[in-house]
N, C-alpha and C. Protein backbone atom coordinates (compact mmCIF):
# COMPACT_ATOMS: atom_id res chain seq x y z
N MET A 1 3.59 -10.43 -5.66
CA MET A 1 2.50 -10.85 -4.79
C MET A 1 1.19 -10.27 -5.30
N ILE A 2 0.19 -11.11 -5.51
CA ILE A 2 -1.11 -10.67 -5.97
C ILE A 2 -2.13 -11.00 -4.89
N GLN A 3 -3.00 -10.05 -4.62
CA GLN A 3 -3.95 -10.20 -3.53
C GLN A 3 -5.25 -9.53 -3.90
N LYS A 4 -6.37 -10.24 -3.78
CA LYS A 4 -7.67 -9.60 -3.97
C LYS A 4 -8.07 -8.86 -2.72
N LEU A 5 -8.70 -7.74 -2.88
CA LEU A 5 -9.24 -6.99 -1.77
C LEU A 5 -10.75 -7.00 -1.92
N ALA A 6 -11.43 -7.70 -1.02
CA ALA A 6 -12.88 -7.81 -1.11
C ALA A 6 -13.52 -6.47 -0.86
N PRO A 7 -14.64 -6.17 -1.55
CA PRO A 7 -15.33 -4.90 -1.31
C PRO A 7 -15.65 -4.73 0.16
N GLY A 8 -15.34 -3.56 0.69
CA GLY A 8 -15.62 -3.28 2.08
C GLY A 8 -14.58 -3.81 3.04
N SER A 9 -13.52 -4.44 2.52
CA SER A 9 -12.47 -4.96 3.39
C SER A 9 -11.84 -3.84 4.18
N PRO A 10 -11.71 -4.00 5.51
CA PRO A 10 -11.17 -2.90 6.33
C PRO A 10 -9.67 -2.73 6.19
N HIS A 11 -8.97 -3.76 5.72
CA HIS A 11 -7.51 -3.69 5.63
C HIS A 11 -7.08 -3.90 4.19
N SER A 12 -6.00 -3.27 3.80
CA SER A 12 -5.47 -3.51 2.46
C SER A 12 -3.97 -3.32 2.46
N ARG A 13 -3.29 -4.11 1.63
CA ARG A 13 -1.88 -3.88 1.37
C ARG A 13 -1.74 -2.67 0.45
N VAL A 14 -0.67 -1.94 0.58
CA VAL A 14 -0.41 -0.84 -0.34
C VAL A 14 -0.20 -1.43 -1.72
N ALA A 15 -0.90 -0.88 -2.74
CA ALA A 15 -0.87 -1.51 -4.03
C ALA A 15 -1.37 -0.58 -5.11
N LEU A 16 -1.21 -0.99 -6.37
CA LEU A 16 -1.75 -0.28 -7.51
C LEU A 16 -3.00 -1.00 -7.98
N PRO A 17 -4.07 -0.26 -8.35
CA PRO A 17 -5.27 -0.90 -8.85
C PRO A 17 -5.13 -1.25 -10.33
N VAL A 18 -5.60 -2.45 -10.69
CA VAL A 18 -5.55 -2.90 -12.07
C VAL A 18 -6.89 -3.51 -12.43
N ARG A 19 -7.39 -3.18 -13.62
CA ARG A 19 -8.67 -3.70 -14.06
C ARG A 19 -8.60 -5.21 -14.25
N SER A 20 -9.68 -5.90 -13.91
CA SER A 20 -9.78 -7.32 -14.08
C SER A 20 -11.17 -7.68 -14.55
N LYS A 21 -11.28 -8.75 -15.29
CA LYS A 21 -12.58 -9.18 -15.80
C LYS A 21 -13.49 -9.61 -14.68
N ASN A 22 -12.93 -10.22 -13.64
CA ASN A 22 -13.73 -10.84 -12.60
C ASN A 22 -13.88 -10.01 -11.33
N ALA A 23 -13.14 -8.92 -11.23
CA ALA A 23 -13.21 -8.10 -10.02
C ALA A 23 -12.88 -6.67 -10.39
N PRO A 24 -13.43 -5.69 -9.64
CA PRO A 24 -13.14 -4.30 -9.95
C PRO A 24 -11.65 -4.01 -9.94
N PHE A 25 -10.95 -4.58 -8.97
CA PHE A 25 -9.52 -4.33 -8.88
C PHE A 25 -8.81 -5.55 -8.32
N ILE A 26 -7.62 -5.81 -8.85
CA ILE A 26 -6.70 -6.73 -8.21
C ILE A 26 -5.55 -5.87 -7.73
N LEU A 27 -5.19 -6.05 -6.48
CA LEU A 27 -4.15 -5.21 -5.90
C LEU A 27 -2.80 -5.91 -6.04
N ILE A 28 -1.89 -5.25 -6.73
CA ILE A 28 -0.55 -5.78 -6.91
C ILE A 28 0.42 -4.90 -6.16
N SER A 29 1.12 -5.48 -5.23
CA SER A 29 2.02 -4.69 -4.39
C SER A 29 3.05 -3.99 -5.24
N ASN A 30 3.15 -2.66 -5.09
CA ASN A 30 4.04 -1.86 -5.92
C ASN A 30 5.20 -1.28 -5.12
N MET A 31 4.96 -1.04 -3.84
CA MET A 31 6.02 -0.54 -2.99
C MET A 31 6.32 -1.63 -1.95
N ALA A 32 6.85 -1.25 -0.81
CA ALA A 32 7.15 -2.23 0.22
C ALA A 32 5.88 -2.94 0.65
N SER A 33 5.92 -4.28 0.65
CA SER A 33 4.72 -5.05 0.96
C SER A 33 4.38 -5.01 2.44
N ASP A 34 5.19 -4.31 3.24
CA ASP A 34 4.92 -4.26 4.67
C ASP A 34 4.15 -3.00 5.06
N LEU A 35 3.60 -2.27 4.07
CA LEU A 35 2.74 -1.13 4.37
C LEU A 35 1.28 -1.60 4.35
N HIS A 36 0.51 -1.09 5.31
CA HIS A 36 -0.89 -1.49 5.42
C HIS A 36 -1.76 -0.26 5.61
N ILE A 37 -2.97 -0.31 5.07
CA ILE A 37 -3.97 0.73 5.30
C ILE A 37 -5.15 0.10 6.01
N GLN A 38 -5.53 0.67 7.14
CA GLN A 38 -6.60 0.11 7.94
C GLN A 38 -7.36 1.21 8.65
N PRO A 39 -8.58 0.90 9.16
CA PRO A 39 -9.32 1.91 9.91
C PRO A 39 -8.55 2.33 11.16
N LEU A 40 -8.67 3.59 11.50
CA LEU A 40 -8.05 4.09 12.73
C LEU A 40 -8.58 3.33 13.94
N ASP A 41 -7.67 2.91 14.79
CA ASP A 41 -8.02 2.24 16.05
C ASP A 41 -7.22 2.93 17.16
N LYS A 42 -7.91 3.69 17.98
CA LYS A 42 -7.20 4.48 19.00
C LYS A 42 -6.48 3.60 20.02
N ALA A 43 -6.86 2.33 20.11
CA ALA A 43 -6.18 1.42 21.03
C ALA A 43 -4.85 0.94 20.47
N ILE A 44 -4.64 1.11 19.16
CA ILE A 44 -3.42 0.63 18.51
C ILE A 44 -2.55 1.77 18.00
N HIS A 45 -3.19 2.75 17.37
CA HIS A 45 -2.44 3.76 16.63
C HIS A 45 -2.09 4.99 17.48
N ASP A 46 -0.86 5.43 17.34
CA ASP A 46 -0.36 6.58 18.09
C ASP A 46 -0.76 7.86 17.35
N GLN A 47 -1.91 8.41 17.71
CA GLN A 47 -2.43 9.59 17.02
C GLN A 47 -1.67 10.86 17.40
N ALA A 48 -1.18 10.92 18.63
CA ALA A 48 -0.57 12.15 19.15
C ALA A 48 0.79 12.46 18.50
N SER A 49 1.50 11.44 18.04
CA SER A 49 2.85 11.66 17.51
C SER A 49 2.86 12.02 16.03
N PHE A 50 1.75 11.90 15.37
CA PHE A 50 1.68 12.21 13.94
C PHE A 50 1.92 13.69 13.71
N ASP A 51 2.78 14.01 12.71
CA ASP A 51 3.07 15.41 12.40
C ASP A 51 3.26 15.57 10.89
N CYS A 52 2.27 16.14 10.23
CA CYS A 52 2.36 16.37 8.79
C CYS A 52 2.83 17.78 8.47
N GLY A 53 3.03 18.59 9.51
CA GLY A 53 3.45 19.96 9.30
C GLY A 53 2.31 20.95 9.27
N VAL A 54 1.07 20.46 9.34
CA VAL A 54 -0.12 21.31 9.36
C VAL A 54 -0.86 21.07 10.67
N PRO A 55 -0.78 21.99 11.62
CA PRO A 55 -1.34 21.77 12.95
C PRO A 55 -2.80 21.33 12.97
N VAL A 56 -3.64 21.91 12.09
CA VAL A 56 -5.05 21.56 12.12
C VAL A 56 -5.27 20.09 11.73
N LEU A 57 -4.44 19.56 10.84
CA LEU A 57 -4.56 18.16 10.46
C LEU A 57 -3.99 17.23 11.53
N ASN A 58 -2.93 17.68 12.19
CA ASN A 58 -2.40 16.91 13.33
C ASN A 58 -3.41 16.84 14.45
N ASP A 59 -4.01 17.98 14.78
CA ASP A 59 -4.97 18.05 15.87
C ASP A 59 -6.21 17.22 15.59
N TYR A 60 -6.64 17.20 14.32
CA TYR A 60 -7.82 16.41 14.00
C TYR A 60 -7.58 14.94 14.30
N LEU A 61 -6.44 14.42 13.85
CA LEU A 61 -6.14 13.00 14.10
C LEU A 61 -6.02 12.73 15.59
N ALA A 62 -5.36 13.63 16.30
CA ALA A 62 -5.12 13.42 17.73
C ALA A 62 -6.38 13.56 18.58
N ARG A 63 -7.29 14.48 18.20
CA ARG A 63 -8.38 14.83 19.10
C ARG A 63 -9.78 14.48 18.59
N ALA A 64 -9.97 14.49 17.28
CA ALA A 64 -11.35 14.41 16.77
C ALA A 64 -11.66 13.19 15.93
N ALA A 65 -10.67 12.57 15.32
CA ALA A 65 -10.93 11.49 14.37
C ALA A 65 -11.69 10.33 14.99
N ALA A 66 -11.23 9.87 16.15
CA ALA A 66 -11.88 8.73 16.80
C ALA A 66 -13.32 9.07 17.19
N LEU A 67 -13.54 10.31 17.62
CA LEU A 67 -14.89 10.74 17.98
C LEU A 67 -15.79 10.80 16.76
N ASP A 68 -15.27 11.27 15.64
CA ASP A 68 -16.06 11.30 14.40
C ASP A 68 -16.45 9.88 13.97
N ILE A 69 -15.54 8.94 14.15
CA ILE A 69 -15.85 7.54 13.82
C ILE A 69 -16.96 7.04 14.72
N LYS A 70 -16.84 7.30 16.01
CA LYS A 70 -17.84 6.85 16.98
C LYS A 70 -19.21 7.43 16.67
N ARG A 71 -19.23 8.69 16.26
CA ARG A 71 -20.49 9.36 15.93
C ARG A 71 -20.97 9.06 14.52
N LYS A 72 -20.16 8.29 13.76
CA LYS A 72 -20.45 7.96 12.36
C LYS A 72 -20.55 9.21 11.49
N ALA A 73 -19.78 10.21 11.86
CA ALA A 73 -19.71 11.44 11.06
C ALA A 73 -18.71 11.30 9.92
N ALA A 74 -17.71 10.43 10.10
CA ALA A 74 -16.69 10.22 9.08
C ALA A 74 -15.95 8.93 9.37
N GLY A 75 -15.36 8.35 8.33
CA GLY A 75 -14.46 7.23 8.51
C GLY A 75 -13.03 7.73 8.38
N CYS A 76 -12.11 7.09 9.07
CA CYS A 76 -10.70 7.50 9.02
C CYS A 76 -9.84 6.26 8.85
N TRP A 77 -8.96 6.30 7.84
CA TRP A 77 -8.05 5.19 7.56
C TRP A 77 -6.62 5.68 7.66
N VAL A 78 -5.76 4.83 8.21
CA VAL A 78 -4.36 5.20 8.42
C VAL A 78 -3.46 4.20 7.69
N ILE A 79 -2.29 4.67 7.30
CA ILE A 79 -1.28 3.81 6.69
C ILE A 79 -0.16 3.62 7.69
N THR A 80 0.22 2.36 7.89
CA THR A 80 1.25 2.02 8.87
C THR A 80 2.23 1.03 8.25
N ASP A 81 3.34 0.85 8.96
CA ASP A 81 4.37 -0.09 8.54
C ASP A 81 4.25 -1.36 9.37
N GLU A 82 4.51 -2.50 8.73
CA GLU A 82 4.44 -3.78 9.42
C GLU A 82 5.33 -3.80 10.65
N GLY A 83 6.46 -3.13 10.57
CA GLY A 83 7.40 -3.16 11.68
C GLY A 83 6.95 -2.36 12.89
N ASP A 84 6.03 -1.42 12.70
CA ASP A 84 5.53 -0.60 13.80
C ASP A 84 4.10 -0.22 13.49
N ARG A 85 3.17 -1.10 13.82
CA ARG A 85 1.77 -0.90 13.48
C ARG A 85 1.16 0.29 14.22
N GLY A 86 1.83 0.78 15.25
CA GLY A 86 1.27 1.88 16.02
C GLY A 86 1.57 3.25 15.43
N ALA A 87 2.66 3.36 14.67
CA ALA A 87 3.08 4.65 14.11
C ALA A 87 2.25 4.97 12.87
N VAL A 88 1.57 6.10 12.87
CA VAL A 88 0.74 6.52 11.74
C VAL A 88 1.62 7.28 10.74
N LEU A 89 1.73 6.76 9.52
CA LEU A 89 2.53 7.40 8.48
C LEU A 89 1.70 8.38 7.65
N GLY A 90 0.39 8.17 7.64
CA GLY A 90 -0.52 9.05 6.90
C GLY A 90 -1.94 8.63 7.17
N TYR A 91 -2.88 9.47 6.80
CA TYR A 91 -4.28 9.12 7.00
C TYR A 91 -5.17 9.90 6.04
N TYR A 92 -6.41 9.44 5.91
CA TYR A 92 -7.43 10.19 5.16
C TYR A 92 -8.79 9.93 5.79
N THR A 93 -9.74 10.79 5.48
CA THR A 93 -11.10 10.63 5.98
C THR A 93 -12.09 10.69 4.82
N LEU A 94 -13.19 9.98 4.98
CA LEU A 94 -14.30 10.02 4.03
C LEU A 94 -15.60 10.21 4.78
N SER A 95 -16.50 11.00 4.20
CA SER A 95 -17.84 11.18 4.75
C SER A 95 -18.80 11.43 3.60
N SER A 96 -20.09 11.40 3.91
CA SER A 96 -21.12 11.56 2.88
C SER A 96 -21.31 13.02 2.50
N GLU A 97 -21.63 13.24 1.24
CA GLU A 97 -21.86 14.58 0.73
C GLU A 97 -22.80 14.47 -0.47
N ALA A 98 -23.29 15.59 -0.97
CA ALA A 98 -24.10 15.62 -2.17
C ALA A 98 -23.69 16.82 -3.01
N VAL A 99 -23.81 16.68 -4.32
CA VAL A 99 -23.41 17.73 -5.27
C VAL A 99 -24.56 17.95 -6.24
N GLU A 100 -24.92 19.20 -6.46
CA GLU A 100 -25.94 19.53 -7.45
C GLU A 100 -25.35 19.36 -8.85
N ALA A 101 -26.09 18.70 -9.72
CA ALA A 101 -25.61 18.43 -11.06
C ALA A 101 -25.27 19.72 -11.82
N VAL A 102 -26.05 20.75 -11.60
CA VAL A 102 -25.83 22.01 -12.33
C VAL A 102 -24.53 22.68 -11.91
N ASP A 103 -23.98 22.30 -10.75
CA ASP A 103 -22.75 22.92 -10.26
C ASP A 103 -21.50 22.25 -10.80
N LEU A 104 -21.65 21.08 -11.40
CA LEU A 104 -20.47 20.36 -11.88
C LEU A 104 -19.78 21.14 -12.99
N PRO A 105 -18.45 21.14 -12.99
CA PRO A 105 -17.73 21.79 -14.10
C PRO A 105 -17.92 21.01 -15.38
N GLU A 106 -17.55 21.62 -16.49
CA GLU A 106 -17.67 20.96 -17.78
C GLU A 106 -16.80 19.71 -17.82
N MET A 107 -17.40 18.61 -18.29
CA MET A 107 -16.70 17.34 -18.35
C MET A 107 -16.50 16.92 -19.81
N PRO A 108 -15.50 16.07 -20.08
CA PRO A 108 -15.39 15.49 -21.42
C PRO A 108 -16.67 14.74 -21.77
N LYS A 109 -17.05 14.76 -23.04
CA LYS A 109 -18.29 14.10 -23.46
C LYS A 109 -18.31 12.63 -23.10
N ALA A 110 -17.15 11.98 -23.18
CA ALA A 110 -17.07 10.56 -22.87
C ALA A 110 -17.45 10.28 -21.42
N ILE A 111 -17.23 11.27 -20.54
CA ILE A 111 -17.58 11.13 -19.14
C ILE A 111 -19.00 11.61 -18.88
N SER A 112 -19.35 12.79 -19.38
CA SER A 112 -20.65 13.39 -19.08
C SER A 112 -21.81 12.52 -19.56
N LYS A 113 -21.65 11.84 -20.69
CA LYS A 113 -22.74 11.03 -21.20
C LYS A 113 -23.00 9.79 -20.35
N LYS A 114 -22.02 9.44 -19.51
CA LYS A 114 -22.17 8.27 -18.64
C LYS A 114 -22.72 8.62 -17.26
N LEU A 115 -22.81 9.91 -16.96
CA LEU A 115 -23.31 10.32 -15.66
C LEU A 115 -24.83 10.17 -15.60
N PRO A 116 -25.37 9.81 -14.43
CA PRO A 116 -26.82 9.68 -14.31
C PRO A 116 -27.51 11.04 -14.49
N LYS A 117 -28.68 11.03 -15.03
CA LYS A 117 -29.42 12.26 -15.31
C LYS A 117 -30.28 12.65 -14.11
N TYR A 118 -29.62 12.95 -13.02
CA TYR A 118 -30.32 13.34 -11.79
C TYR A 118 -29.96 14.78 -11.43
N ARG A 119 -30.82 15.39 -10.64
CA ARG A 119 -30.59 16.77 -10.21
C ARG A 119 -29.44 16.86 -9.21
N ARG A 120 -29.27 15.81 -8.43
CA ARG A 120 -28.24 15.81 -7.38
C ARG A 120 -27.54 14.46 -7.37
N PHE A 121 -26.22 14.50 -7.19
CA PHE A 121 -25.43 13.28 -7.17
C PHE A 121 -24.98 12.97 -5.74
N GLY A 122 -24.95 11.68 -5.41
CA GLY A 122 -24.29 11.25 -4.18
C GLY A 122 -22.79 11.43 -4.32
N ALA A 123 -22.15 11.92 -3.27
CA ALA A 123 -20.72 12.19 -3.32
C ALA A 123 -20.05 11.71 -2.05
N ALA A 124 -18.76 11.49 -2.15
CA ALA A 124 -17.93 11.21 -0.98
C ALA A 124 -17.02 12.41 -0.77
N LEU A 125 -16.98 12.91 0.45
CA LEU A 125 -16.09 14.02 0.79
C LEU A 125 -14.79 13.46 1.35
N LEU A 126 -13.71 13.67 0.60
CA LEU A 126 -12.37 13.33 1.10
C LEU A 126 -11.93 14.53 1.93
N GLY A 127 -12.36 14.52 3.18
CA GLY A 127 -12.23 15.71 4.02
C GLY A 127 -10.80 16.05 4.40
N ARG A 128 -9.99 15.01 4.60
CA ARG A 128 -8.60 15.22 5.01
C ARG A 128 -7.73 14.12 4.41
N LEU A 129 -6.55 14.49 4.00
CA LEU A 129 -5.54 13.53 3.55
C LEU A 129 -4.19 14.13 3.91
N ALA A 130 -3.42 13.41 4.72
CA ALA A 130 -2.16 13.96 5.23
C ALA A 130 -1.13 12.86 5.39
N VAL A 131 0.13 13.22 5.20
CA VAL A 131 1.26 12.29 5.33
C VAL A 131 2.26 12.88 6.30
N ASP A 132 2.77 12.05 7.19
CA ASP A 132 3.77 12.50 8.16
C ASP A 132 4.99 13.09 7.46
N LYS A 133 5.57 14.11 8.05
CA LYS A 133 6.72 14.80 7.44
C LYS A 133 7.86 13.84 7.12
N SER A 134 8.02 12.79 7.92
CA SER A 134 9.11 11.84 7.70
C SER A 134 8.90 10.99 6.45
N GLN A 135 7.67 10.99 5.92
CA GLN A 135 7.35 10.14 4.78
C GLN A 135 6.96 10.93 3.53
N GLN A 136 6.96 12.23 3.60
CA GLN A 136 6.50 13.03 2.48
C GLN A 136 7.46 12.93 1.30
N GLY A 137 6.89 12.97 0.09
CA GLY A 137 7.68 12.87 -1.12
C GLY A 137 7.96 11.45 -1.57
N GLN A 138 7.34 10.46 -0.91
CA GLN A 138 7.59 9.06 -1.24
C GLN A 138 6.39 8.38 -1.88
N GLY A 139 5.35 9.15 -2.20
CA GLY A 139 4.20 8.57 -2.89
C GLY A 139 3.09 8.07 -2.00
N LEU A 140 3.19 8.28 -0.68
CA LEU A 140 2.14 7.78 0.20
C LEU A 140 0.82 8.52 -0.01
N GLY A 141 0.88 9.80 -0.38
CA GLY A 141 -0.35 10.54 -0.64
C GLY A 141 -1.14 9.92 -1.78
N GLU A 142 -0.43 9.55 -2.87
CA GLU A 142 -1.08 8.91 -4.00
C GLU A 142 -1.69 7.57 -3.59
N LEU A 143 -0.96 6.82 -2.76
CA LEU A 143 -1.46 5.52 -2.31
C LEU A 143 -2.72 5.67 -1.45
N LEU A 144 -2.74 6.67 -0.60
CA LEU A 144 -3.93 6.93 0.21
C LEU A 144 -5.10 7.33 -0.67
N LEU A 145 -4.84 8.16 -1.68
CA LEU A 145 -5.90 8.57 -2.59
C LEU A 145 -6.46 7.37 -3.35
N MET A 146 -5.59 6.48 -3.81
CA MET A 146 -6.03 5.28 -4.51
C MET A 146 -6.89 4.40 -3.59
N ASP A 147 -6.48 4.28 -2.34
CA ASP A 147 -7.24 3.47 -1.40
C ASP A 147 -8.62 4.09 -1.16
N ALA A 148 -8.67 5.41 -1.02
CA ALA A 148 -9.95 6.09 -0.84
C ALA A 148 -10.84 5.86 -2.06
N PHE A 149 -10.27 5.93 -3.24
CA PHE A 149 -11.01 5.70 -4.48
C PHE A 149 -11.59 4.29 -4.49
N HIS A 150 -10.77 3.31 -4.13
CA HIS A 150 -11.24 1.93 -4.11
C HIS A 150 -12.39 1.76 -3.13
N ARG A 151 -12.28 2.37 -1.97
CA ARG A 151 -13.36 2.24 -0.98
C ARG A 151 -14.64 2.90 -1.48
N CYS A 152 -14.50 4.00 -2.21
CA CYS A 152 -15.70 4.63 -2.78
C CYS A 152 -16.37 3.72 -3.81
N LEU A 153 -15.58 3.00 -4.59
CA LEU A 153 -16.14 2.05 -5.54
C LEU A 153 -16.85 0.91 -4.84
N ALA A 154 -16.35 0.53 -3.66
CA ALA A 154 -16.89 -0.63 -2.96
C ALA A 154 -18.05 -0.28 -2.03
N LEU A 155 -18.40 0.99 -1.91
CA LEU A 155 -19.48 1.38 -1.01
C LEU A 155 -20.79 0.72 -1.40
N GLU A 156 -21.55 0.26 -0.39
CA GLU A 156 -22.86 -0.33 -0.65
C GLU A 156 -23.84 0.73 -1.12
N VAL A 157 -23.66 1.96 -0.70
CA VAL A 157 -24.45 3.09 -1.20
C VAL A 157 -23.54 3.83 -2.19
N PRO A 158 -23.77 3.67 -3.50
CA PRO A 158 -22.83 4.20 -4.50
C PRO A 158 -22.74 5.72 -4.49
N VAL A 159 -21.58 6.22 -4.89
CA VAL A 159 -21.39 7.66 -5.09
C VAL A 159 -20.90 7.87 -6.52
N VAL A 160 -21.14 9.05 -7.05
CA VAL A 160 -20.77 9.37 -8.42
C VAL A 160 -19.48 10.17 -8.48
N VAL A 161 -19.27 11.03 -7.48
CA VAL A 161 -18.10 11.91 -7.49
C VAL A 161 -17.44 11.93 -6.12
N ILE A 162 -16.19 12.37 -6.11
CA ILE A 162 -15.45 12.64 -4.88
C ILE A 162 -15.13 14.13 -4.84
N VAL A 163 -15.36 14.75 -3.70
CA VAL A 163 -15.04 16.17 -3.54
C VAL A 163 -13.97 16.35 -2.47
N VAL A 164 -13.17 17.38 -2.65
CA VAL A 164 -12.11 17.71 -1.69
C VAL A 164 -12.12 19.21 -1.45
N ASP A 165 -11.60 19.61 -0.31
CA ASP A 165 -11.47 21.03 0.04
C ASP A 165 -10.00 21.34 0.30
N PRO A 166 -9.19 21.51 -0.75
CA PRO A 166 -7.76 21.76 -0.54
C PRO A 166 -7.52 23.04 0.25
N LYS A 167 -6.53 22.97 1.13
CA LYS A 167 -6.27 24.09 2.04
C LYS A 167 -5.49 25.23 1.40
N ASP A 168 -4.80 24.95 0.30
CA ASP A 168 -4.02 26.00 -0.34
C ASP A 168 -3.81 25.66 -1.82
N GLU A 169 -3.17 26.55 -2.54
CA GLU A 169 -2.97 26.38 -3.98
C GLU A 169 -2.09 25.19 -4.29
N LYS A 170 -1.11 24.92 -3.44
CA LYS A 170 -0.21 23.78 -3.67
C LYS A 170 -0.99 22.48 -3.64
N LEU A 171 -1.89 22.34 -2.66
CA LEU A 171 -2.70 21.13 -2.58
C LEU A 171 -3.68 21.05 -3.74
N ALA A 172 -4.24 22.19 -4.12
CA ALA A 172 -5.15 22.21 -5.27
C ALA A 172 -4.44 21.71 -6.53
N ASP A 173 -3.19 22.14 -6.72
CA ASP A 173 -2.41 21.68 -7.87
C ASP A 173 -2.16 20.18 -7.80
N TRP A 174 -1.92 19.67 -6.59
CA TRP A 174 -1.69 18.23 -6.42
C TRP A 174 -2.93 17.44 -6.80
N TYR A 175 -4.10 17.87 -6.33
CA TYR A 175 -5.34 17.16 -6.67
C TYR A 175 -5.65 17.29 -8.17
N ALA A 176 -5.29 18.40 -8.76
CA ALA A 176 -5.54 18.59 -10.19
C ALA A 176 -4.80 17.56 -11.02
N ARG A 177 -3.69 17.05 -10.53
CA ARG A 177 -2.95 16.02 -11.25
C ARG A 177 -3.78 14.76 -11.45
N PHE A 178 -4.76 14.56 -10.59
CA PHE A 178 -5.60 13.36 -10.66
C PHE A 178 -6.97 13.65 -11.27
N GLY A 179 -7.10 14.82 -11.88
CA GLY A 179 -8.33 15.13 -12.59
C GLY A 179 -9.34 15.94 -11.83
N PHE A 180 -9.04 16.34 -10.60
CA PHE A 180 -9.97 17.17 -9.84
C PHE A 180 -10.07 18.54 -10.49
N ARG A 181 -11.29 19.07 -10.57
CA ARG A 181 -11.55 20.40 -11.13
C ARG A 181 -12.26 21.25 -10.08
N SER A 182 -12.22 22.56 -10.28
CA SER A 182 -12.89 23.48 -9.36
C SER A 182 -14.40 23.28 -9.42
N LEU A 183 -15.01 23.16 -8.25
CA LEU A 183 -16.47 23.10 -8.14
C LEU A 183 -16.99 24.42 -7.59
N THR A 184 -16.33 24.91 -6.54
CA THR A 184 -16.58 26.25 -6.00
C THR A 184 -15.21 26.86 -5.73
N LYS A 185 -15.20 28.02 -5.11
CA LYS A 185 -13.94 28.70 -4.82
C LYS A 185 -13.01 27.82 -3.98
N ASP A 186 -13.56 27.07 -3.04
CA ASP A 186 -12.75 26.30 -2.10
C ASP A 186 -12.89 24.80 -2.25
N ARG A 187 -13.60 24.33 -3.25
CA ARG A 187 -13.89 22.90 -3.37
C ARG A 187 -13.58 22.41 -4.77
N MET A 188 -13.07 21.16 -4.86
CA MET A 188 -12.77 20.53 -6.14
C MET A 188 -13.52 19.21 -6.24
N VAL A 189 -13.71 18.74 -7.46
CA VAL A 189 -14.51 17.53 -7.68
C VAL A 189 -13.91 16.71 -8.81
N VAL A 190 -14.10 15.39 -8.73
CA VAL A 190 -13.74 14.49 -9.81
C VAL A 190 -14.75 13.35 -9.82
N THR A 191 -15.09 12.84 -11.00
CA THR A 191 -15.98 11.69 -11.07
C THR A 191 -15.16 10.42 -10.83
N LEU A 192 -15.83 9.38 -10.32
CA LEU A 192 -15.14 8.10 -10.15
C LEU A 192 -14.70 7.53 -11.49
N LEU A 193 -15.45 7.83 -12.53
CA LEU A 193 -15.07 7.38 -13.88
C LEU A 193 -13.72 7.95 -14.29
N GLU A 194 -13.50 9.23 -13.98
CA GLU A 194 -12.24 9.86 -14.34
C GLU A 194 -11.08 9.31 -13.51
N LEU A 195 -11.31 9.11 -12.22
CA LEU A 195 -10.25 8.56 -11.37
C LEU A 195 -9.88 7.15 -11.81
N GLU A 196 -10.89 6.37 -12.15
CA GLU A 196 -10.62 5.01 -12.60
C GLU A 196 -9.74 5.01 -13.83
N ALA A 197 -10.04 5.89 -14.77
CA ALA A 197 -9.26 5.97 -16.00
C ALA A 197 -7.82 6.38 -15.70
N ARG A 198 -7.63 7.34 -14.80
CA ARG A 198 -6.28 7.81 -14.50
C ARG A 198 -5.46 6.74 -13.78
N PHE A 199 -6.06 6.05 -12.83
CA PHE A 199 -5.31 5.04 -12.10
C PHE A 199 -5.03 3.81 -12.96
N ASN A 200 -5.89 3.53 -13.92
CA ASN A 200 -5.61 2.42 -14.81
C ASN A 200 -4.41 2.71 -15.71
N GLN A 201 -4.07 3.98 -15.89
CA GLN A 201 -2.88 4.34 -16.66
C GLN A 201 -1.60 3.95 -15.94
N LEU A 202 -1.71 3.68 -14.63
CA LEU A 202 -0.53 3.34 -13.82
C LEU A 202 -0.20 1.86 -13.87
N ARG A 203 -0.97 1.08 -14.63
CA ARG A 203 -0.72 -0.36 -14.69
C ARG A 203 0.65 -0.65 -15.29
């Protein structure tokens, strides 16, 4: 099954991104085609039952995510199964951020020469990414990260980098697999150029 995802589309099938001449990405279903990623809707999604094993991430989805959306402080997207659209299998959040160019870690020349020569870069903060304990180890975290990356590419206000604040060393190691590097003691960063290259390797 091949499906185009229009820039800014609120819903997407779970898929792998592939380069195309005519569009940034064509989404080809790689796992079960009955998984969907969509904006959080408190009228549909059961936020209270989600349990990723980290109380602060559970509490955020249950108590604060919908309010952040209403206040336009952050966007929140959830992954659900076609058979039960109310059960949240995982989620992530994105919000606006900025990064000083001088703070960026050393990049490969092929990447650094393509970065804009500005003092400060627009960034997207991937503030939270979590998967329910019942679904962990099945690749949903990678799928959520890919979806977040695609949405960053489709933003009407472009960003150059994505930053994350991993809660522990295990999470930092997981993000490092996708090219994230240390920006500060508690923050990691990756350019969209690097993420694009890594995800294209999955074709």
